[in-house]
Amino acid sequence: MPVMALLALLLLCACERAAASTVLPLSISDLTGRSRQIFHGVCIDTQADLIDGDPVTHVRFVVVEPLKGMTTIDTLSVLLPGGEIDGIRYHISGMPAFMPNEEVVLFLSGLDGAGRVWPVGLAQGDFRVRRQPQTAPRVRRDFDGLRFQGSARAAALPVHDLALDELLDEIRSLTGAPGDSR
C-alpha cells in the first residue's frame, strides 16, 4: 500500500472510527499456511514513533516457543502501522494492538513493501492467551473491527474457548515443528 494511501487511511480512522476492515475468514490451517513466522510469546514493550511521517508502533516480544519460520530466538521485534502519537490515536480497523505482559500466539506475514510484517488476516492472526488459576490456559481471538467476506465460513472460526495446548499442537502438526523444548 503506498505510504500516502496508508497515511490517508490512518488519518481517516483517527477522525472517525471506520466500521470494519473486510477480510477473508482464515482457519488455523489457512493462517499457518500463509504465515512466514509463528510464535508463542509475551509482549514486553511497545513504543509509538513516526517513521518517514508514518505513525508506527514498535512491539517487542519474548518468544516462548518458535513455531514456524524462526530458529531458537529469545526476542522478536515487530513494527506495526498505527499507534498513539501526541495524544492522537492512528488505527487500522482490525489491526491488533499489544500491551506489555500480554501473552499471545501470533501468525506473521512476510515483509511488505515497506519492510514490515503484519499479523496474517489482521486480528485473525492474533490469539490472546488467558490464564486462570486451576484451569488450563485458553486462547481467544478478538474480531472487533473485522467484517468477514463469506460469513457462513466465518461462523465456523473459533473465537472463544480453545485450549492453548490444542492450538499449539495443531500448529506443530501443520508445520512439523517439535513440541516446546523450553
C-alpha atoms as a PDB file:
ATOM      1  CA  MET A   1       0.000   0.000   0.000  1.00  0.00           C
ATOM      2  CA  PRO A   2       1.564   3.363  -0.931  1.00  0.00           C
ATOM      3  CA  VAL A   3       2.645   5.480   2.032  1.00  0.00           C
ATOM      4  CA  MET A   4       0.241   8.329   1.222  1.00  0.00           C
ATOM      5  CA  ALA A   5      -2.726   5.953   0.949  1.00  0.00           C
ATOM      6  CA  LEU A   6      -1.864   4.373   4.291  1.00  0.00           C
ATOM      7  CA  LEU A   7      -1.484   7.790   5.890  1.00  0.00           C
ATOM      8  CA  ALA A   8      -4.848   8.910   4.491  1.00  0.00           C
ATOM      9  CA  LEU A   9      -6.463   5.764   5.890  1.00  0.00           C
ATOM     10  CA  LEU A  10      -4.869   6.295   9.288  1.00  0.00           C
ATOM     11  CA  LEU A  11      -5.937   9.949   9.411  1.00  0.00           C
ATOM     12  CA  LEU A  12      -9.486   8.998   8.495  1.00  0.00           C
ATOM     13  CA  CYS A  13      -9.510   6.417  11.271  1.00  0.00           C
ATOM     14  CA  ALA A  14      -8.164   8.985  13.759  1.00  0.00           C
ATOM     15  CA  CYS A  15     -11.019  11.373  12.992  1.00  0.00           C
ATOM     16  CA  GLU A  16     -13.826   8.845  12.698  1.00  0.00           C
ATOM     17  CA  ARG A  17     -13.598   5.183  13.570  1.00  0.00           C
ATOM     18  CA  ALA A  18     -14.047   3.067  10.472  1.00  0.00           C
ATOM     19  CA  ALA A  19     -16.737   0.411  10.734  1.00  0.00           C
ATOM     20  CA  ALA A  20     -14.570  -2.563   9.793  1.00  0.00           C
ATOM     21  CA  SER A  21     -11.893  -3.997   7.549  1.00  0.00           C
ATOM     22  CA  THR A  22     -13.283  -6.677   5.240  1.00  0.00           C
ATOM     23  CA  VAL A  23     -11.187  -9.835   5.249  1.00  0.00           C
ATOM     24  CA  LEU A  24     -11.431 -13.438   4.148  1.00  0.00           C
ATOM     25  CA  PRO A  25     -12.083 -15.737   7.100  1.00  0.00           C
ATOM     26  CA  LEU A  26      -8.985 -17.821   7.839  1.00  0.00           C
ATOM     27  CA  SER A  27      -8.860 -21.118   9.700  1.00  0.00           C
ATOM     28  CA  ILE A  28      -5.839 -22.155  11.752  1.00  0.00           C
ATOM     29  CA  SER A  29      -4.695 -24.195   8.758  1.00  0.00           C
ATOM     30  CA  ASP A  30      -5.089 -21.145   6.475  1.00  0.00           C
ATOM     31  CA  LEU A  31      -3.221 -18.918   8.937  1.00  0.00           C
ATOM     32  CA  THR A  32      -0.403 -21.436   9.274  1.00  0.00           C
ATOM     33  CA  GLY A  33      -0.027 -21.828   5.521  1.00  0.00           C
ATOM     34  CA  ARG A  34       0.014 -18.067   4.869  1.00  0.00           C
ATOM     35  CA  SER A  35       2.382 -17.180   7.719  1.00  0.00           C
ATOM     36  CA  ARG A  36       6.123 -16.709   7.387  1.00  0.00           C
ATOM     37  CA  GLN A  37       6.606 -16.739  11.155  1.00  0.00           C
ATOM     38  CA  ILE A  38       4.515 -18.097  14.016  1.00  0.00           C
ATOM     39  CA  PHE A  39       5.407 -17.943  17.684  1.00  0.00           C
ATOM     40  CA  HIS A  40       4.011 -18.197  21.199  1.00  0.00           C
ATOM     41  CA  GLY A  41       5.295 -15.275  23.242  1.00  0.00           C
ATOM     42  CA  VAL A  42       4.763 -12.383  25.622  1.00  0.00           C
ATOM     43  CA  CYS A  43       4.747  -8.678  24.717  1.00  0.00           C
ATOM     44  CA  ILE A  44       7.452  -6.919  26.725  1.00  0.00           C
ATOM     45  CA  ASP A  45       7.123  -3.378  25.437  1.00  0.00           C
ATOM     46  CA  THR A  46       5.619  -1.080  22.831  1.00  0.00           C
ATOM     47  CA  GLN A  47       6.766   2.292  21.552  1.00  0.00           C
ATOM     48  CA  ALA A  48       4.914   4.536  19.087  1.00  0.00           C
ATOM     49  CA  ASP A  49       7.033   6.500  16.616  1.00  0.00           C
ATOM     50  CA  LEU A  50       6.938   8.365  13.317  1.00  0.00           C
ATOM     51  CA  ILE A  51       8.989   6.851  10.501  1.00  0.00           C
ATOM     52  CA  ASP A  52       9.108   8.921   7.310  1.00  0.00           C
ATOM     53  CA  GLY A  53       5.956  10.651   8.550  1.00  0.00           C
ATOM     54  CA  ASP A  54       4.071   7.381   9.093  1.00  0.00           C
ATOM     55  CA  PRO A  55       2.817   6.524  12.598  1.00  0.00           C
ATOM     56  CA  VAL A  56       4.061   3.085  13.645  1.00  0.00           C
ATOM     57  CA  THR A  57       4.377   1.064  16.829  1.00  0.00           C
ATOM     58  CA  HIS A  58       7.454  -0.978  17.698  1.00  0.00           C
ATOM     59  CA  VAL A  59       6.315  -4.085  19.589  1.00  0.00           C
ATOM     60  CA  ARG A  60       8.829  -6.367  21.254  1.00  0.00           C
ATOM     61  CA  PHE A  61       8.046  -9.928  22.313  1.00  0.00           C
ATOM     62  CA  VAL A  62       9.841 -12.557  24.356  1.00  0.00           C
ATOM     63  CA  VAL A  63       9.488 -15.734  22.300  1.00  0.00           C
ATOM     64  CA  VAL A  64       8.344 -18.621  24.488  1.00  0.00           C
ATOM     65  CA  GLU A  65       8.190 -21.083  21.582  1.00  0.00           C
ATOM     66  CA  PRO A  66       9.067 -20.518  17.914  1.00  0.00           C
ATOM     67  CA  LEU A  67       6.583 -22.475  15.787  1.00  0.00           C
ATOM     68  CA  LYS A  68       7.378 -21.535  12.177  1.00  0.00           C
ATOM     69  CA  GLY A  69       9.997 -19.586  10.263  1.00  0.00           C
ATOM     70  CA  MET A  70      12.444 -18.960  13.069  1.00  0.00           C
ATOM     71  CA  THR A  71      15.049 -20.915  14.910  1.00  0.00           C
ATOM     72  CA  THR A  72      15.725 -20.543  18.593  1.00  0.00           C
ATOM     73  CA  ILE A  73      15.235 -16.867  19.296  1.00  0.00           C
ATOM     74  CA  ASP A  74      14.741 -15.033  22.562  1.00  0.00           C
ATOM     75  CA  THR A  75      13.081 -11.804  21.425  1.00  0.00           C
ATOM     76  CA  LEU A  76      11.348 -10.583  18.293  1.00  0.00           C
ATOM     77  CA  SER A  77      10.568  -7.003  17.291  1.00  0.00           C
ATOM     78  CA  VAL A  78       7.607  -6.209  15.056  1.00  0.00           C
ATOM     79  CA  LEU A  79       6.843  -2.828  13.501  1.00  0.00           C
ATOM     80  CA  LEU A  80       3.095  -2.316  13.038  1.00  0.00           C
ATOM     81  CA  PRO A  81       1.299   0.565  11.338  1.00  0.00           C
ATOM     82  CA  GLY A  82      -0.570   2.924  13.652  1.00  0.00           C
ATOM     83  CA  GLY A  83      -0.155   3.911  17.262  1.00  0.00           C
ATOM     84  CA  GLU A  84      -0.715   6.845  19.568  1.00  0.00           C
ATOM     85  CA  ILE A  85       1.396   9.929  18.930  1.00  0.00           C
ATOM     86  CA  ASP A  86       0.963  13.218  20.802  1.00  0.00           C
ATOM     87  CA  GLY A  87      -2.392  12.043  22.173  1.00  0.00           C
ATOM     88  CA  ILE A  88      -3.798  11.170  18.734  1.00  0.00           C
ATOM     89  CA  ARG A  89      -4.569   7.520  18.030  1.00  0.00           C
ATOM     90  CA  TYR A  90      -3.919   6.250  14.494  1.00  0.00           C
ATOM     91  CA  HIS A  91      -5.661   2.936  14.000  1.00  0.00           C
ATOM     92  CA  ILE A  92      -6.462   0.481  11.212  1.00  0.00           C
ATOM     93  CA  SER A  93      -9.696  -1.390  11.933  1.00  0.00           C
ATOM     94  CA  GLY A  94      -8.963  -4.999  12.759  1.00  0.00           C
ATOM     95  CA  MET A  95      -5.243  -4.397  13.437  1.00  0.00           C
ATOM     96  CA  PRO A  96      -4.390  -5.783  16.876  1.00  0.00           C
ATOM     97  CA  ALA A  97      -2.689  -3.565  19.431  1.00  0.00           C
ATOM     98  CA  PHE A  98      -0.489  -5.033  22.125  1.00  0.00           C
ATOM     99  CA  MET A  99       0.323  -4.144  25.706  1.00  0.00           C
ATOM    100  CA  PRO A 100       3.210  -5.302  27.895  1.00  0.00           C
ATOM    101  CA  ASN A 101       2.667  -8.652  29.645  1.00  0.00           C
ATOM    102  CA  GLU A 102       0.057  -9.875  27.133  1.00  0.00           C
ATOM    103  CA  GLU A 103       0.676 -13.490  26.146  1.00  0.00           C
ATOM    104  CA  VAL A 104      -0.060 -14.313  22.508  1.00  0.00           C
ATOM    105  CA  VAL A 105       0.255 -16.818  19.717  1.00  0.00           C
ATOM    106  CA  LEU A 106       0.982 -14.661  16.677  1.00  0.00           C
ATOM    107  CA  PHE A 107       0.895 -15.525  12.960  1.00  0.00           C
ATOM    108  CA  LEU A 108       3.024 -13.056  10.957  1.00  0.00           C
ATOM    109  CA  SER A 109       3.236 -12.305   7.238  1.00  0.00           C
ATOM    110  CA  GLY A 110       6.406 -11.873   5.241  1.00  0.00           C
ATOM    111  CA  LEU A 111       7.836  -8.396   4.711  1.00  0.00           C
ATOM    112  CA  ASP A 112       5.620  -5.918   2.862  1.00  0.00           C
ATOM    113  CA  GLY A 113       6.917  -3.206   0.520  1.00  0.00           C
ATOM    114  CA  ALA A 114       7.882  -1.023   3.497  1.00  0.00           C
ATOM    115  CA  GLY A 115       9.797  -3.859   5.165  1.00  0.00           C
ATOM    116  CA  ARG A 116       7.148  -4.523   7.819  1.00  0.00           C
ATOM    117  CA  VAL A 117       5.377  -7.709   8.863  1.00  0.00           C
ATOM    118  CA  TRP A 118       1.684  -7.834   9.718  1.00  0.00           C
ATOM    119  CA  PRO A 119      -0.483 -10.275  11.625  1.00  0.00           C
ATOM    120  CA  VAL A 120      -1.934 -12.546   8.928  1.00  0.00           C
ATOM    121  CA  GLY A 121      -5.613 -11.718   8.462  1.00  0.00           C
ATOM    122  CA  LEU A 122      -5.176  -8.763  10.845  1.00  0.00           C
ATOM    123  CA  ALA A 123      -6.752  -9.743  14.215  1.00  0.00           C
ATOM    124  CA  GLN A 124      -7.398 -13.282  12.941  1.00  0.00           C
ATOM    125  CA  GLY A 125      -3.675 -13.996  13.299  1.00  0.00           C
ATOM    126  CA  ASP A 126      -3.569 -12.863  16.936  1.00  0.00           C
ATOM    127  CA  PHE A 127      -4.588 -15.380  19.602  1.00  0.00           C
ATOM    128  CA  ARG A 128      -4.568 -13.976  23.149  1.00  0.00           C
ATOM    129  CA  VAL A 129      -3.763 -16.389  25.947  1.00  0.00           C
ATOM    130  CA  ARG A 130      -5.954 -16.300  29.055  1.00  0.00           C
ATOM    131  CA  ARG A 131      -4.681 -17.920  32.214  1.00  0.00           C
ATOM    132  CA  GLN A 132      -6.845 -18.576  35.241  1.00  0.00           C
ATOM    133  CA  PRO A 133      -5.984 -20.437  38.418  1.00  0.00           C
ATOM    134  CA  GLN A 134      -6.522 -24.187  38.334  1.00  0.00           C
ATOM    135  CA  THR A 135      -7.555 -24.328  34.658  1.00  0.00           C
ATOM    136  CA  ALA A 136      -5.557 -24.976  31.520  1.00  0.00           C
ATOM    137  CA  PRO A 137      -4.645 -21.828  29.548  1.00  0.00           C
ATOM    138  CA  ARG A 138      -7.047 -20.943  26.752  1.00  0.00           C
ATOM    139  CA  VAL A 139      -6.794 -18.717  23.683  1.00  0.00           C
ATOM    140  CA  ARG A 140      -9.201 -16.233  22.183  1.00  0.00           C
ATOM    141  CA  ARG A 141      -9.306 -14.101  19.044  1.00  0.00           C
ATOM    142  CA  ASP A 142     -10.971 -10.690  19.070  1.00  0.00           C
ATOM    143  CA  PHE A 143     -12.609  -9.919  15.732  1.00  0.00           C
ATOM    144  CA  ASP A 144     -13.553  -6.343  16.665  1.00  0.00           C
ATOM    145  CA  GLY A 145     -13.062  -4.141  13.625  1.00  0.00           C
ATOM    146  CA  LEU A 146     -13.291  -7.036  11.159  1.00  0.00           C
ATOM    147  CA  ARG A 147     -16.053  -7.912   8.732  1.00  0.00           C
ATOM    148  CA  PHE A 148     -15.830 -11.296   7.053  1.00  0.00           C
ATOM    149  CA  GLN A 149     -16.362 -11.962   3.393  1.00  0.00           C
ATOM    150  CA  GLY A 150     -18.475 -15.135   3.140  1.00  0.00           C
ATOM    151  CA  SER A 151     -19.998 -15.011   6.618  1.00  0.00           C
ATOM    152  CA  ALA A 152     -21.080 -18.688   6.658  1.00  0.00           C
ATOM    153  CA  ARG A 153     -17.451 -19.805   6.675  1.00  0.00           C
ATOM    154  CA  ALA A 154     -16.589 -17.154   9.267  1.00  0.00           C
ATOM    155  CA  ALA A 155     -19.213 -18.561  11.623  1.00  0.00           C
ATOM    156  CA  ALA A 156     -17.119 -21.742  11.909  1.00  0.00           C
ATOM    157  CA  LEU A 157     -13.996 -19.869  13.063  1.00  0.00           C
ATOM    158  CA  PRO A 158     -13.086 -20.485  16.714  1.00  0.00           C
ATOM    159  CA  VAL A 159     -13.306 -17.263  18.705  1.00  0.00           C
ATOM    160  CA  HIS A 160     -13.619 -18.328  22.326  1.00  0.00           C
ATOM    161  CA  ASP A 161     -12.584 -21.212  24.462  1.00  0.00           C
ATOM    162  CA  LEU A 162      -9.846 -23.018  22.569  1.00  0.00           C
ATOM    163  CA  ALA A 163      -7.201 -24.646  24.764  1.00  0.00           C
ATOM    164  CA  LEU A 164      -3.718 -23.206  24.230  1.00  0.00           C
ATOM    165  CA  ASP A 165      -2.277 -26.734  24.006  1.00  0.00           C
ATOM    166  CA  GLU A 166      -4.809 -27.655  21.293  1.00  0.00           C
ATOM    167  CA  LEU A 167      -3.831 -24.614  19.221  1.00  0.00           C
ATOM    168  CA  LEU A 168      -0.095 -25.225  19.657  1.00  0.00           C
ATOM    169  CA  ASP A 169      -0.479 -28.943  18.835  1.00  0.00           C
ATOM    170  CA  GLU A 170      -2.433 -28.114  15.658  1.00  0.00           C
ATOM    171  CA  ILE A 171       0.214 -25.608  14.534  1.00  0.00           C
ATOM    172  CA  ARG A 172       3.019 -28.084  15.299  1.00  0.00           C
ATOM    173  CA  SER A 173       1.165 -30.748  13.325  1.00  0.00           C
ATOM    174  CA  LEU A 174       0.753 -28.420  10.330  1.00  0.00           C
ATOM    175  CA  THR A 175       4.363 -27.174  10.394  1.00  0.00           C
ATOM    176  CA  GLY A 176       6.177 -30.278  11.563  1.00  0.00           C
ATOM    177  CA  ALA A 177       7.603 -28.277  14.478  1.00  0.00           C
ATOM    178  CA  PRO A 178       8.687 -30.263  17.539  1.00  0.00           C
ATOM    179  CA  GLY A 179       6.974 -29.707  20.896  1.00  0.00           C
ATOM    180  CA  ASP A 180       8.076 -26.960  23.272  1.00  0.00           C
ATOM    181  CA  SER A 181      11.592 -27.675  24.419  1.00  0.00           C
ATOM    182  CA  ARG A 182      11.969 -24.758  26.838  1.00  0.00           C
END
